[in-house]
Amino acid sequence: MRLLIQRVTEASVSIGGKTKSCIAHGLLLLLGIESEDGVEDIDYLCKKTINLRIFDDANGIMNKSFREIEGEILVVSQFTLHASTKKGNRPSYIRAARAEISEPLYSQFCQYLSVLLGKTIKTGEFGADMKVHLVNDGPVTIWIDSKNKEY
């Protein structure tokens, strides 16, 4: 499972010209799922996300976690995080899980994150053609792969 975390001052998802979800200060999470992913990946990424100290303290130092701020989270599924560009110029998405695997895992990820935080998590719509708008704060963008915990 791959997760792209973006600290934002605002973010929204629109489908067919209509806003589905929007948040103010918080995190936009883009989630890519592989066939081999499971509950362990969800647990690792959710806990890592809410405990990363990427929000400024009173001295302007990134020293606070999401748990410590009054923020919101928007989670969007994004299979293209598993793009392979090794051969040619057309990315291959063979590592991305098919919808029958990834959609339930996406839902589980969002539900678990909501349970850990005790608050509602906003989402995109799985499989939809979405327009994502964001104002990256910092900018702060962090990439995490649950299969590669060395980084």
C-alpha atoms as a PDB file:
ATOM      1  CA  MET A   1       0.000   0.000   0.000  1.00  0.00           C
ATOM      2  CA  ARG A   2       1.296   3.416  -0.892  1.00  0.00           C
ATOM      3  CA  LEU A   3       0.224   6.653   0.661  1.00  0.00           C
ATOM      4  CA  LEU A   4       0.972  10.194  -0.441  1.00  0.00           C
ATOM      5  CA  ILE A   5       0.372  12.567   2.463  1.00  0.00           C
ATOM      6  CA  GLN A   6      -0.081  16.268   1.773  1.00  0.00           C
ATOM      7  CA  ARG A   7      -0.446  18.852   4.505  1.00  0.00           C
ATOM      8  CA  VAL A   8      -3.074  21.284   3.232  1.00  0.00           C
ATOM      9  CA  THR A   9      -4.816  24.493   4.156  1.00  0.00           C
ATOM     10  CA  GLU A  10      -7.760  23.285   2.059  1.00  0.00           C
ATOM     11  CA  ALA A  11      -8.658  20.411  -0.250  1.00  0.00           C
ATOM     12  CA  SER A  12     -11.711  19.207  -2.117  1.00  0.00           C
ATOM     13  CA  VAL A  13     -12.901  16.519  -4.499  1.00  0.00           C
ATOM     14  CA  SER A  14     -15.394  17.193  -7.281  1.00  0.00           C
ATOM     15  CA  ILE A  15     -17.168  14.671  -9.471  1.00  0.00           C
ATOM     16  CA  GLY A  16     -19.046  15.808 -12.547  1.00  0.00           C
ATOM     17  CA  GLY A  17     -18.669  19.445 -11.519  1.00  0.00           C
ATOM     18  CA  LYS A  18     -20.183  18.900  -8.050  1.00  0.00           C
ATOM     19  CA  THR A  19     -18.169  18.972  -4.831  1.00  0.00           C
ATOM     20  CA  LYS A  20     -18.322  15.622  -3.042  1.00  0.00           C
ATOM     21  CA  SER A  21     -16.053  16.436  -0.092  1.00  0.00           C
ATOM     22  CA  CYS A  22     -14.011  19.336   1.168  1.00  0.00           C
ATOM     23  CA  ILE A  23     -11.783  20.048   4.144  1.00  0.00           C
ATOM     24  CA  ALA A  24      -9.956  22.994   5.634  1.00  0.00           C
ATOM     25  CA  HIS A  25      -6.646  22.665   7.515  1.00  0.00           C
ATOM     26  CA  GLY A  26      -5.444  19.065   7.657  1.00  0.00           C
ATOM     27  CA  LEU A  27      -4.296  16.237   5.424  1.00  0.00           C
ATOM     28  CA  LEU A  28      -5.090  15.100   1.909  1.00  0.00           C
ATOM     29  CA  LEU A  29      -4.235  11.403   1.621  1.00  0.00           C
ATOM     30  CA  LEU A  30      -3.866   9.721  -1.774  1.00  0.00           C
ATOM     31  CA  LEU A  31      -4.019   5.934  -1.323  1.00  0.00           C
ATOM     32  CA  GLY A  32      -2.764   3.302  -3.774  1.00  0.00           C
ATOM     33  CA  ILE A  33      -3.482  -0.379  -3.137  1.00  0.00           C
ATOM     34  CA  GLU A  34      -1.732  -3.540  -4.376  1.00  0.00           C
ATOM     35  CA  SER A  35      -3.189  -7.066  -4.546  1.00  0.00           C
ATOM     36  CA  GLU A  36      -0.973  -8.259  -1.670  1.00  0.00           C
ATOM     37  CA  ASP A  37      -2.113  -5.512   0.706  1.00  0.00           C
ATOM     38  CA  GLY A  38      -4.165  -6.272   3.787  1.00  0.00           C
ATOM     39  CA  VAL A  39      -5.088  -5.299   7.317  1.00  0.00           C
ATOM     40  CA  GLU A  40      -1.437  -5.023   8.442  1.00  0.00           C
ATOM     41  CA  ASP A  41      -0.790  -2.381   5.765  1.00  0.00           C
ATOM     42  CA  ILE A  42      -3.875  -0.436   6.808  1.00  0.00           C
ATOM     43  CA  ASP A  43      -2.856  -0.540  10.470  1.00  0.00           C
ATOM     44  CA  TYR A  44       0.705   0.595   9.733  1.00  0.00           C
ATOM     45  CA  LEU A  45      -0.251   3.479   7.431  1.00  0.00           C
ATOM     46  CA  CYS A  46      -3.124   4.791   9.536  1.00  0.00           C
ATOM     47  CA  LYS A  47      -1.067   4.851  12.728  1.00  0.00           C
ATOM     48  CA  LYS A  48       1.956   6.339  10.958  1.00  0.00           C
ATOM     49  CA  THR A  49      -0.179   9.051   9.358  1.00  0.00           C
ATOM     50  CA  ILE A  50      -1.846  10.325  12.503  1.00  0.00           C
ATOM     51  CA  ASN A  51       1.385  10.252  14.516  1.00  0.00           C
ATOM     52  CA  LEU A  52       3.742  11.913  11.999  1.00  0.00           C
ATOM     53  CA  ARG A  53       4.951  15.183  13.472  1.00  0.00           C
ATOM     54  CA  ILE A  54       4.425  17.399  10.426  1.00  0.00           C
ATOM     55  CA  PHE A  55       2.454  20.304  11.881  1.00  0.00           C
ATOM     56  CA  ASP A  56       4.051  23.430  13.296  1.00  0.00           C
ATOM     57  CA  ASP A  57       4.279  24.097  16.998  1.00  0.00           C
ATOM     58  CA  ALA A  58       4.242  27.595  18.533  1.00  0.00           C
ATOM     59  CA  ASN A  59       7.854  28.111  17.379  1.00  0.00           C
ATOM     60  CA  GLY A  60       7.138  27.207  13.741  1.00  0.00           C
ATOM     61  CA  ILE A  61       8.877  23.818  14.056  1.00  0.00           C
ATOM     62  CA  MET A  62       7.185  20.707  12.632  1.00  0.00           C
ATOM     63  CA  ASN A  63       6.681  19.090  16.003  1.00  0.00           C
ATOM     64  CA  LYS A  64       2.961  18.316  16.231  1.00  0.00           C
ATOM     65  CA  SER A  65       1.109  15.281  14.934  1.00  0.00           C
ATOM     66  CA  PHE A  66      -2.341  15.227  13.367  1.00  0.00           C
ATOM     67  CA  ARG A  67      -3.675  13.971  16.705  1.00  0.00           C
ATOM     68  CA  GLU A  68      -2.572  17.260  18.297  1.00  0.00           C
ATOM     69  CA  ILE A  69      -4.248  19.679  15.903  1.00  0.00           C
ATOM     70  CA  GLU A  70      -7.843  20.508  15.091  1.00  0.00           C
ATOM     71  CA  GLY A  71      -7.715  19.274  11.505  1.00  0.00           C
ATOM     72  CA  GLU A  72      -9.581  17.259   8.933  1.00  0.00           C
ATOM     73  CA  ILE A  73      -8.629  14.400   6.611  1.00  0.00           C
ATOM     74  CA  LEU A  74      -9.676  13.748   3.021  1.00  0.00           C
ATOM     75  CA  VAL A  75      -8.798  10.310   1.580  1.00  0.00           C
ATOM     76  CA  VAL A  76      -8.782   9.723  -2.190  1.00  0.00           C
ATOM     77  CA  SER A  77      -8.075   6.376  -3.870  1.00  0.00           C
ATOM     78  CA  GLN A  78      -5.353   6.630  -6.504  1.00  0.00           C
ATOM     79  CA  PHE A  79      -4.189   3.497  -8.327  1.00  0.00           C
ATOM     80  CA  THR A  80      -1.598   5.519 -10.285  1.00  0.00           C
ATOM     81  CA  LEU A  81       0.639   5.556  -7.179  1.00  0.00           C
ATOM     82  CA  HIS A  82       1.640   2.057  -8.316  1.00  0.00           C
ATOM     83  CA  ALA A  83       2.682   3.150 -11.809  1.00  0.00           C
ATOM     84  CA  SER A  84       5.792   1.523 -13.205  1.00  0.00           C
ATOM     85  CA  THR A  85       7.761   3.624 -15.688  1.00  0.00           C
ATOM     86  CA  LYS A  86      10.617   1.167 -16.248  1.00  0.00           C
ATOM     87  CA  LYS A  87       9.781   0.395 -19.861  1.00  0.00           C
ATOM     88  CA  GLY A  88       8.818   2.911 -22.500  1.00  0.00           C
ATOM     89  CA  ASN A  89       6.788   6.035 -21.915  1.00  0.00           C
ATOM     90  CA  ARG A  90       3.402   4.573 -21.059  1.00  0.00           C
ATOM     91  CA  PRO A  91       3.158   3.747 -17.343  1.00  0.00           C
ATOM     92  CA  SER A  92       2.114   0.239 -16.390  1.00  0.00           C
ATOM     93  CA  TYR A  93      -0.368  -0.209 -13.563  1.00  0.00           C
ATOM     94  CA  ILE A  94      -0.019  -3.977 -13.257  1.00  0.00           C
ATOM     95  CA  ARG A  95       0.896  -3.719  -9.563  1.00  0.00           C
ATOM     96  CA  ALA A  96      -2.293  -1.833  -8.680  1.00  0.00           C
ATOM     97  CA  ALA A  97      -5.013  -4.079  -7.257  1.00  0.00           C
ATOM     98  CA  ARG A  98      -8.212  -4.653  -9.171  1.00  0.00           C
ATOM     99  CA  ALA A  99     -11.364  -2.949  -7.870  1.00  0.00           C
ATOM    100  CA  GLU A 100     -12.736  -6.081  -6.179  1.00  0.00           C
ATOM    101  CA  ILE A 101      -9.653  -6.082  -3.923  1.00  0.00           C
ATOM    102  CA  SER A 102      -8.872  -2.387  -3.625  1.00  0.00           C
ATOM    103  CA  GLU A 103     -12.357  -0.985  -3.019  1.00  0.00           C
ATOM    104  CA  PRO A 104     -12.971  -2.969   0.215  1.00  0.00           C
ATOM    105  CA  LEU A 105      -9.433  -2.154   1.423  1.00  0.00           C
ATOM    106  CA  TYR A 106      -9.964   1.537   0.671  1.00  0.00           C
ATOM    107  CA  SER A 107     -13.185   1.464   2.720  1.00  0.00           C
ATOM    108  CA  GLN A 108     -11.448  -0.394   5.567  1.00  0.00           C
ATOM    109  CA  PHE A 109      -8.615   2.159   5.544  1.00  0.00           C
ATOM    110  CA  CYS A 110     -11.069   5.061   5.847  1.00  0.00           C
ATOM    111  CA  GLN A 111     -13.126   3.336   8.554  1.00  0.00           C
ATOM    112  CA  TYR A 112     -10.062   2.419  10.626  1.00  0.00           C
ATOM    113  CA  LEU A 113      -8.670   5.939  10.376  1.00  0.00           C
ATOM    114  CA  SER A 114     -12.034   7.287  11.525  1.00  0.00           C
ATOM    115  CA  VAL A 115     -12.091   4.888  14.492  1.00  0.00           C
ATOM    116  CA  LEU A 116      -8.522   5.763  15.528  1.00  0.00           C
ATOM    117  CA  LEU A 117      -9.310   9.474  15.473  1.00  0.00           C
ATOM    118  CA  GLY A 118     -12.883   9.316  16.748  1.00  0.00           C
ATOM    119  CA  LYS A 119     -14.053  11.604  13.963  1.00  0.00           C
ATOM    120  CA  THR A 120     -15.477  11.425  10.461  1.00  0.00           C
ATOM    121  CA  ILE A 121     -13.059  11.137   7.557  1.00  0.00           C
ATOM    122  CA  LYS A 122     -14.016  12.747   4.251  1.00  0.00           C
ATOM    123  CA  THR A 123     -13.521  10.720   1.071  1.00  0.00           C
ATOM    124  CA  GLY A 124     -13.535  10.807  -2.672  1.00  0.00           C
ATOM    125  CA  GLU A 125     -15.566   8.270  -4.637  1.00  0.00           C
ATOM    126  CA  PHE A 126     -13.801   5.035  -5.470  1.00  0.00           C
ATOM    127  CA  GLY A 127     -13.311   4.564  -9.216  1.00  0.00           C
ATOM    128  CA  ALA A 128     -14.801   7.928 -10.159  1.00  0.00           C
ATOM    129  CA  ASP A 129     -13.199  10.517 -12.433  1.00  0.00           C
ATOM    130  CA  MET A 130     -12.403  13.048  -9.729  1.00  0.00           C
ATOM    131  CA  LYS A 131     -11.014  16.543  -9.798  1.00  0.00           C
ATOM    132  CA  VAL A 132      -8.890  17.149  -6.720  1.00  0.00           C
ATOM    133  CA  HIS A 133      -8.177  20.692  -5.621  1.00  0.00           C
ATOM    134  CA  LEU A 134      -5.670  21.427  -2.873  1.00  0.00           C
ATOM    135  CA  VAL A 135      -3.569  24.142  -1.389  1.00  0.00           C
ATOM    136  CA  ASN A 136      -0.429  22.412  -0.156  1.00  0.00           C
ATOM    137  CA  ASP A 137       0.743  23.925   3.110  1.00  0.00           C
ATOM    138  CA  GLY A 138       4.510  24.330   3.292  1.00  0.00           C
ATOM    139  CA  PRO A 139       4.621  22.568   0.885  1.00  0.00           C
ATOM    140  CA  VAL A 140       4.694  19.352   2.889  1.00  0.00           C
ATOM    141  CA  THR A 141       4.324  16.140   0.869  1.00  0.00           C
ATOM    142  CA  ILE A 142       5.382  12.743   2.230  1.00  0.00           C
ATOM    143  CA  TRP A 143       5.321   9.373   0.499  1.00  0.00           C
ATOM    144  CA  ILE A 144       5.050   6.135   2.502  1.00  0.00           C
ATOM    145  CA  ASP A 145       5.092   2.557   1.208  1.00  0.00           C
ATOM    146  CA  SER A 146       3.925  -0.048   3.722  1.00  0.00           C
ATOM    147  CA  LYS A 147       6.118  -2.659   2.012  1.00  0.00           C
ATOM    148  CA  ASN A 148       9.261  -0.517   2.332  1.00  0.00           C
ATOM    149  CA  LYS A 149       9.566   0.732   5.904  1.00  0.00           C
ATOM    150  CA  GLU A 150      13.237   1.716   5.598  1.00  0.00           C
ATOM    151  CA  TYR A 151      12.394   5.306   4.598  1.00  0.00           C
END
